[in-house]
Structure formats: C-alpha cells, structure tokens
Amino acid sequence: GNDNPVVLELGCGKGEYTVGLAQKNP
C-alpha cells in the first residue's frame, strides 16, 4: 500500500532480523 523501498532478508529463520529492521526503518 505504498511505494517505499523493498528490502529482502534471505534465509530469514525466525524472522528476528526482518522484524528488527522493520521496526528501525518504518
């Protein structure tokens, strides 16, 4: 629902890094 940059985490495991990055970079 927006045009913000898309960032991938490959082999994300439990998703801790994905969620952490998302919190820091809304």
PDB file of all heavy atoms in Angstrom:
ATOM      1  N   GLY A   1       0.802  -1.223   0.000  1.00  0.00           N
ATOM      2  CA  GLY A   1       0.000   0.000   0.000  1.00  0.00           C
ATOM      3  C   GLY A   1       0.830   1.266   0.000  1.00  0.00           C
ATOM      4  O   GLY A   1       0.347   2.329   0.407  1.00  0.00           O
ATOM      5  N   ASN A   2       2.079   1.178  -0.470  1.00  0.00           N
ATOM      6  CA  ASN A   2       2.933   2.363  -0.574  1.00  0.00           C
ATOM      7  C   ASN A   2       4.056   2.080  -1.566  1.00  0.00           C
ATOM      8  O   ASN A   2       4.221   0.953  -2.029  1.00  0.00           O
ATOM      9  CB  ASN A   2       3.494   2.758   0.792  1.00  0.00           C
ATOM     10  CG  ASN A   2       4.319   1.653   1.433  1.00  0.00           C
ATOM     11  OD1 ASN A   2       5.327   1.218   0.888  1.00  0.00           O
ATOM     12  ND2 ASN A   2       3.877   1.172   2.610  1.00  0.00           N
ATOM     13  N   ASP A   3       4.836   3.122  -1.857  1.00  0.00           N
ATOM     14  CA  ASP A   3       5.950   2.988  -2.802  1.00  0.00           C
ATOM     15  C   ASP A   3       7.302   2.988  -2.097  1.00  0.00           C
ATOM     16  O   ASP A   3       8.323   3.336  -2.698  1.00  0.00           O
ATOM     17  CB  ASP A   3       5.901   4.133  -3.832  1.00  0.00           C
ATOM     18  CG  ASP A   3       4.704   4.035  -4.756  1.00  0.00           C
ATOM     19  OD1 ASP A   3       4.357   2.899  -5.150  1.00  0.00           O
ATOM     20  OD2 ASP A   3       4.110   5.080  -5.080  1.00  0.00           O
ATOM     21  N   ASN A   4       7.313   2.622  -0.837  1.00  0.00           N
ATOM     22  CA  ASN A   4       8.570   2.599  -0.086  1.00  0.00           C
ATOM     23  C   ASN A   4       9.501   1.518  -0.619  1.00  0.00           C
ATOM     24  O   ASN A   4       9.047   0.531  -1.215  1.00  0.00           O
ATOM     25  CB  ASN A   4       8.290   2.352   1.399  1.00  0.00           C
ATOM     26  CG  ASN A   4       7.579   3.522   2.056  1.00  0.00           C
ATOM     27  OD1 ASN A   4       7.596   4.642   1.555  1.00  0.00           O
ATOM     28  ND2 ASN A   4       6.933   3.267   3.191  1.00  0.00           N
ATOM     29  N   PRO A   5      10.815   1.682  -0.417  1.00  0.00           N
ATOM     30  CA  PRO A   5      11.783   0.679  -0.877  1.00  0.00           C
ATOM     31  C   PRO A   5      11.494  -0.700  -0.283  1.00  0.00           C
ATOM     32  O   PRO A   5      11.077  -0.818   0.869  1.00  0.00           O
ATOM     33  CB  PRO A   5      13.123   1.227  -0.371  1.00  0.00           C
ATOM     34  CG  PRO A   5      12.899   2.693  -0.207  1.00  0.00           C
ATOM     35  CD  PRO A   5      11.478   2.846   0.216  1.00  0.00           C
ATOM     36  N   VAL A   6      11.738  -1.722  -1.087  1.00  0.00           N
ATOM     37  CA  VAL A   6      11.533  -3.106  -0.657  1.00  0.00           C
ATOM     38  C   VAL A   6      12.880  -3.724  -0.305  1.00  0.00           C
ATOM     39  O   VAL A   6      13.830  -3.678  -1.091  1.00  0.00           O
ATOM     40  CB  VAL A   6      10.842  -3.931  -1.764  1.00  0.00           C
ATOM     41  CG1 VAL A   6      10.797  -5.409  -1.385  1.00  0.00           C
ATOM     42  CG2 VAL A   6       9.435  -3.401  -2.024  1.00  0.00           C
ATOM     43  N   VAL A   7      12.941  -4.315   0.889  1.00  0.00           N
ATOM     44  CA  VAL A   7      14.169  -4.934   1.383  1.00  0.00           C
ATOM     45  C   VAL A   7      13.889  -6.396   1.711  1.00  0.00           C
ATOM     46  O   VAL A   7      12.903  -6.709   2.375  1.00  0.00           O
ATOM     47  CB  VAL A   7      14.685  -4.213   2.653  1.00  0.00           C
ATOM     48  CG1 VAL A   7      16.004  -4.837   3.116  1.00  0.00           C
ATOM     49  CG2 VAL A   7      14.843  -2.718   2.400  1.00  0.00           C
ATOM     50  N   LEU A   8      14.759  -7.293   1.246  1.00  0.00           N
ATOM     51  CA  LEU A   8      14.587  -8.723   1.492  1.00  0.00           C
ATOM     52  C   LEU A   8      15.596  -9.226   2.525  1.00  0.00           C
ATOM     53  O   LEU A   8      16.724  -8.736   2.581  1.00  0.00           O
ATOM     54  CB  LEU A   8      14.788  -9.531   0.204  1.00  0.00           C
ATOM     55  CG  LEU A   8      14.041  -9.105  -1.060  1.00  0.00           C
ATOM     56  CD1 LEU A   8      14.342 -10.102  -2.184  1.00  0.00           C
ATOM     57  CD2 LEU A   8      12.566  -8.989  -0.813  1.00  0.00           C
ATOM     58  N   GLU A   9      15.161 -10.207   3.310  1.00  0.00           N
ATOM     59  CA  GLU A   9      16.106 -10.998   4.101  1.00  0.00           C
ATOM     60  C   GLU A   9      15.974 -12.436   3.619  1.00  0.00           C
ATOM     61  O   GLU A   9      14.895 -13.042   3.716  1.00  0.00           O
ATOM     62  CB  GLU A   9      15.845 -10.941   5.602  1.00  0.00           C
ATOM     63  CG  GLU A   9      16.934 -11.708   6.363  1.00  0.00           C
ATOM     64  CD  GLU A   9      16.635 -11.963   7.833  1.00  0.00           C
ATOM     65  OE1 GLU A   9      15.547 -11.600   8.310  1.00  0.00           O
ATOM     66  OE2 GLU A   9      17.498 -12.568   8.503  1.00  0.00           O
ATOM     67  N   LEU A  10      17.061 -12.979   3.089  1.00  0.00           N
ATOM     68  CA  LEU A  10      17.050 -14.327   2.538  1.00  0.00           C
ATOM     69  C   LEU A  10      17.514 -15.330   3.582  1.00  0.00           C
ATOM     70  O   LEU A  10      18.546 -15.130   4.226  1.00  0.00           O
ATOM     71  CB  LEU A  10      17.952 -14.398   1.310  1.00  0.00           C
ATOM     72  CG  LEU A  10      17.661 -13.367   0.205  1.00  0.00           C
ATOM     73  CD1 LEU A  10      18.617 -13.568  -0.962  1.00  0.00           C
ATOM     74  CD2 LEU A  10      16.211 -13.456  -0.264  1.00  0.00           C
ATOM     75  N   GLY A  11      16.745 -16.417   3.733  1.00  0.00           N
ATOM     76  CA  GLY A  11      17.041 -17.375   4.778  1.00  0.00           C
ATOM     77  C   GLY A  11      16.805 -16.733   6.131  1.00  0.00           C
ATOM     78  O   GLY A  11      17.673 -16.753   7.007  1.00  0.00           O
ATOM     79  N   CYS A  12      15.619 -16.189   6.309  1.00  0.00           N
ATOM     80  CA  CYS A  12      15.336 -15.319   7.458  1.00  0.00           C
ATOM     81  C   CYS A  12      15.169 -16.063   8.781  1.00  0.00           C
ATOM     82  O   CYS A  12      15.075 -15.429   9.837  1.00  0.00           O
ATOM     83  CB  CYS A  12      14.090 -14.477   7.183  1.00  0.00           C
ATOM     84  SG  CYS A  12      12.551 -15.433   7.059  1.00  0.00           S
ATOM     85  N   GLY A  13      15.097 -17.390   8.766  1.00  0.00           N
ATOM     86  CA  GLY A  13      14.978 -18.130  10.021  1.00  0.00           C
ATOM     87  C   GLY A  13      13.748 -17.737  10.802  1.00  0.00           C
ATOM     88  O   GLY A  13      12.631 -17.757  10.280  1.00  0.00           O
ATOM     89  N   LYS A  14      13.933 -17.334  12.043  1.00  0.00           N
ATOM     90  CA  LYS A  14      12.804 -16.962  12.906  1.00  0.00           C
ATOM     91  C   LYS A  14      12.244 -15.574  12.591  1.00  0.00           C
ATOM     92  O   LYS A  14      11.260 -15.152  13.200  1.00  0.00           O
ATOM     93  CB  LYS A  14      13.227 -17.023  14.368  1.00  0.00           C
ATOM     94  CG  LYS A  14      13.567 -18.423  14.847  1.00  0.00           C
ATOM     95  CD  LYS A  14      13.939 -18.411  16.322  1.00  0.00           C
ATOM     96  CE  LYS A  14      14.266 -19.813  16.820  1.00  0.00           C
ATOM     97  NZ  LYS A  14      14.609 -19.817  18.272  1.00  0.00           N
ATOM     98  N   GLY A  15      12.895 -14.874  11.669  1.00  0.00           N
ATOM     99  CA  GLY A  15      12.386 -13.565  11.272  1.00  0.00           C
ATOM    100  C   GLY A  15      12.793 -12.427  12.188  1.00  0.00           C
ATOM    101  O   GLY A  15      12.290 -11.316  12.059  1.00  0.00           O
ATOM    102  N   GLU A  16      13.726 -12.698  13.099  1.00  0.00           N
ATOM    103  CA  GLU A  16      14.126 -11.666  14.060  1.00  0.00           C
ATOM    104  C   GLU A  16      14.752 -10.462  13.380  1.00  0.00           C
ATOM    105  O   GLU A  16      14.476  -9.316  13.753  1.00  0.00           O
ATOM    106  CB  GLU A  16      15.123 -12.255  15.060  1.00  0.00           C
ATOM    107  CG  GLU A  16      14.588 -13.403  15.884  1.00  0.00           C
ATOM    108  CD  GLU A  16      15.701 -14.316  16.359  1.00  0.00           C
ATOM    109  OE1 GLU A  16      16.309 -15.003  15.535  1.00  0.00           O
ATOM    110  OE2 GLU A  16      15.960 -14.315  17.576  1.00  0.00           O
ATOM    111  N   TYR A  17      15.579 -10.705  12.373  1.00  0.00           N
ATOM    112  CA  TYR A  17      16.236  -9.591  11.698  1.00  0.00           C
ATOM    113  C   TYR A  17      15.257  -8.806  10.839  1.00  0.00           C
ATOM    114  O   TYR A  17      15.284  -7.580  10.801  1.00  0.00           O
ATOM    115  CB  TYR A  17      17.416 -10.098  10.866  1.00  0.00           C
ATOM    116  CG  TYR A  17      18.649  -9.247  11.016  1.00  0.00           C
ATOM    117  CD1 TYR A  17      19.570  -9.520  12.021  1.00  0.00           C
ATOM    118  CD2 TYR A  17      18.884  -8.149  10.202  1.00  0.00           C
ATOM    119  CE1 TYR A  17      20.696  -8.729  12.195  1.00  0.00           C
ATOM    120  CE2 TYR A  17      20.001  -7.353  10.364  1.00  0.00           C
ATOM    121  CZ  TYR A  17      20.908  -7.646  11.356  1.00  0.00           C
ATOM    122  OH  TYR A  17      22.016  -6.850  11.531  1.00  0.00           O
ATOM    123  N   THR A  18      14.385  -9.522  10.152  1.00  0.00           N
ATOM    124  CA  THR A  18      13.372  -8.859   9.328  1.00  0.00           C
ATOM    125  C   THR A  18      12.529  -7.918  10.174  1.00  0.00           C
ATOM    126  O   THR A  18      12.312  -6.750   9.817  1.00  0.00           O
ATOM    127  CB  THR A  18      12.472  -9.901   8.645  1.00  0.00           C
ATOM    128  OG1 THR A  18      13.260 -10.748   7.794  1.00  0.00           O
ATOM    129  CG2 THR A  18      11.400  -9.234   7.794  1.00  0.00           C
ATOM    130  N   VAL A  19      12.045  -8.416  11.300  1.00  0.00           N
ATOM    131  CA  VAL A  19      11.207  -7.612  12.192  1.00  0.00           C
ATOM    132  C   VAL A  19      12.008  -6.464  12.801  1.00  0.00           C
ATOM    133  O   VAL A  19      11.535  -5.323  12.883  1.00  0.00           O
ATOM    134  CB  VAL A  19      10.585  -8.491  13.295  1.00  0.00           C
ATOM    135  CG1 VAL A  19       9.869  -7.631  14.337  1.00  0.00           C
ATOM    136  CG2 VAL A  19       9.611  -9.495  12.678  1.00  0.00           C
ATOM    137  N   GLY A  20      13.248  -6.743  13.212  1.00  0.00           N
ATOM    138  CA  GLY A  20      14.084  -5.707  13.796  1.00  0.00           C
ATOM    139  C   GLY A  20      14.359  -4.572  12.827  1.00  0.00           C
ATOM    140  O   GLY A  20      14.285  -3.384  13.195  1.00  0.00           O
ATOM    141  N   LEU A  21      14.672  -4.908  11.585  1.00  0.00           N
ATOM    142  CA  LEU A  21      14.901  -3.887  10.566  1.00  0.00           C
ATOM    143  C   LEU A  21      13.635  -3.077  10.301  1.00  0.00           C
ATOM    144  O   LEU A  21      13.692  -1.857  10.120  1.00  0.00           O
ATOM    145  CB  LEU A  21      15.387  -4.537   9.269  1.00  0.00           C
ATOM    146  CG  LEU A  21      16.813  -5.080   9.260  1.00  0.00           C
ATOM    147  CD1 LEU A  21      17.054  -5.905   7.998  1.00  0.00           C
ATOM    148  CD2 LEU A  21      17.829  -3.946   9.348  1.00  0.00           C
ATOM    149  N   ALA A  22      12.505  -3.754  10.260  1.00  0.00           N
ATOM    150  CA  ALA A  22      11.235  -3.077  10.001  1.00  0.00           C
ATOM    151  C   ALA A  22      10.908  -2.075  11.110  1.00  0.00           C
ATOM    152  O   ALA A  22      10.396  -0.977  10.844  1.00  0.00           O
ATOM    153  CB  ALA A  22      10.117  -4.095   9.858  1.00  0.00           C
ATOM    154  N   GLN A  23      11.182  -2.440  12.346  1.00  0.00           N
ATOM    155  CA  GLN A  23      10.934  -1.535  13.467  1.00  0.00           C
ATOM    156  C   GLN A  23      11.828  -0.305  13.399  1.00  0.00           C
ATOM    157  O   GLN A  23      11.397   0.805  13.707  1.00  0.00           O
ATOM    158  CB  GLN A  23      11.149  -2.269  14.791  1.00  0.00           C
ATOM    159  CG  GLN A  23      10.077  -3.289  15.118  1.00  0.00           C
ATOM    160  CD  GLN A  23      10.388  -4.066  16.375  1.00  0.00           C
ATOM    161  OE1 GLN A  23      11.481  -4.598  16.551  1.00  0.00           O
ATOM    162  NE2 GLN A  23       9.423  -4.127  17.280  1.00  0.00           N
ATOM    163  N   LYS A  24      13.068  -0.493  12.990  1.00  0.00           N
ATOM    164  CA  LYS A  24      14.017   0.610  12.914  1.00  0.00           C
ATOM    165  C   LYS A  24      13.821   1.483  11.682  1.00  0.00           C
ATOM    166  O   LYS A  24      14.228   2.647  11.670  1.00  0.00           O
ATOM    167  CB  LYS A  24      15.450   0.064  12.909  1.00  0.00           C
ATOM    168  CG  LYS A  24      15.936  -0.481  14.241  1.00  0.00           C
ATOM    169  CD  LYS A  24      17.301  -1.135  14.114  1.00  0.00           C
ATOM    170  CE  LYS A  24      18.336  -0.188  13.534  1.00  0.00           C
ATOM    171  NZ  LYS A  24      18.606   0.951  14.438  1.00  0.00           N
ATOM    172  N   ASN A  25      13.201   0.907  10.647  1.00  0.00           N
ATOM    173  CA  ASN A  25      13.079   1.613   9.367  1.00  0.00           C
ATOM    174  C   ASN A  25      11.638   1.583   8.861  1.00  0.00           C
ATOM    175  O   ASN A  25      11.312   0.875   7.902  1.00  0.00           O
ATOM    176  CB  ASN A  25      14.008   0.973   8.326  1.00  0.00           C
ATOM    177  CG  ASN A  25      15.467   0.987   8.739  1.00  0.00           C
ATOM    178  OD1 ASN A  25      16.164   1.975   8.560  1.00  0.00           O
ATOM    179  ND2 ASN A  25      15.936  -0.129   9.290  1.00  0.00           N
ATOM    180  N   PRO A  26      10.736   2.343   9.486  1.00  0.00           N
ATOM    181  CA  PRO A  26       9.323   2.325   9.080  1.00  0.00           C
ATOM    182  C   PRO A  26       9.068   2.874   7.678  1.00  0.00           C
ATOM    183  O   PRO A  26       7.982   2.690   7.140  1.00  0.00           O
ATOM    184  CB  PRO A  26       8.646   3.192  10.150  1.00  0.00           C
ATOM    185  CG  PRO A  26       9.730   4.083  10.663  1.00  0.00           C
ATOM    186  CD  PRO A  26      10.979   3.254  10.622  1.00  0.00           C
TER     187      PRO A  26
END
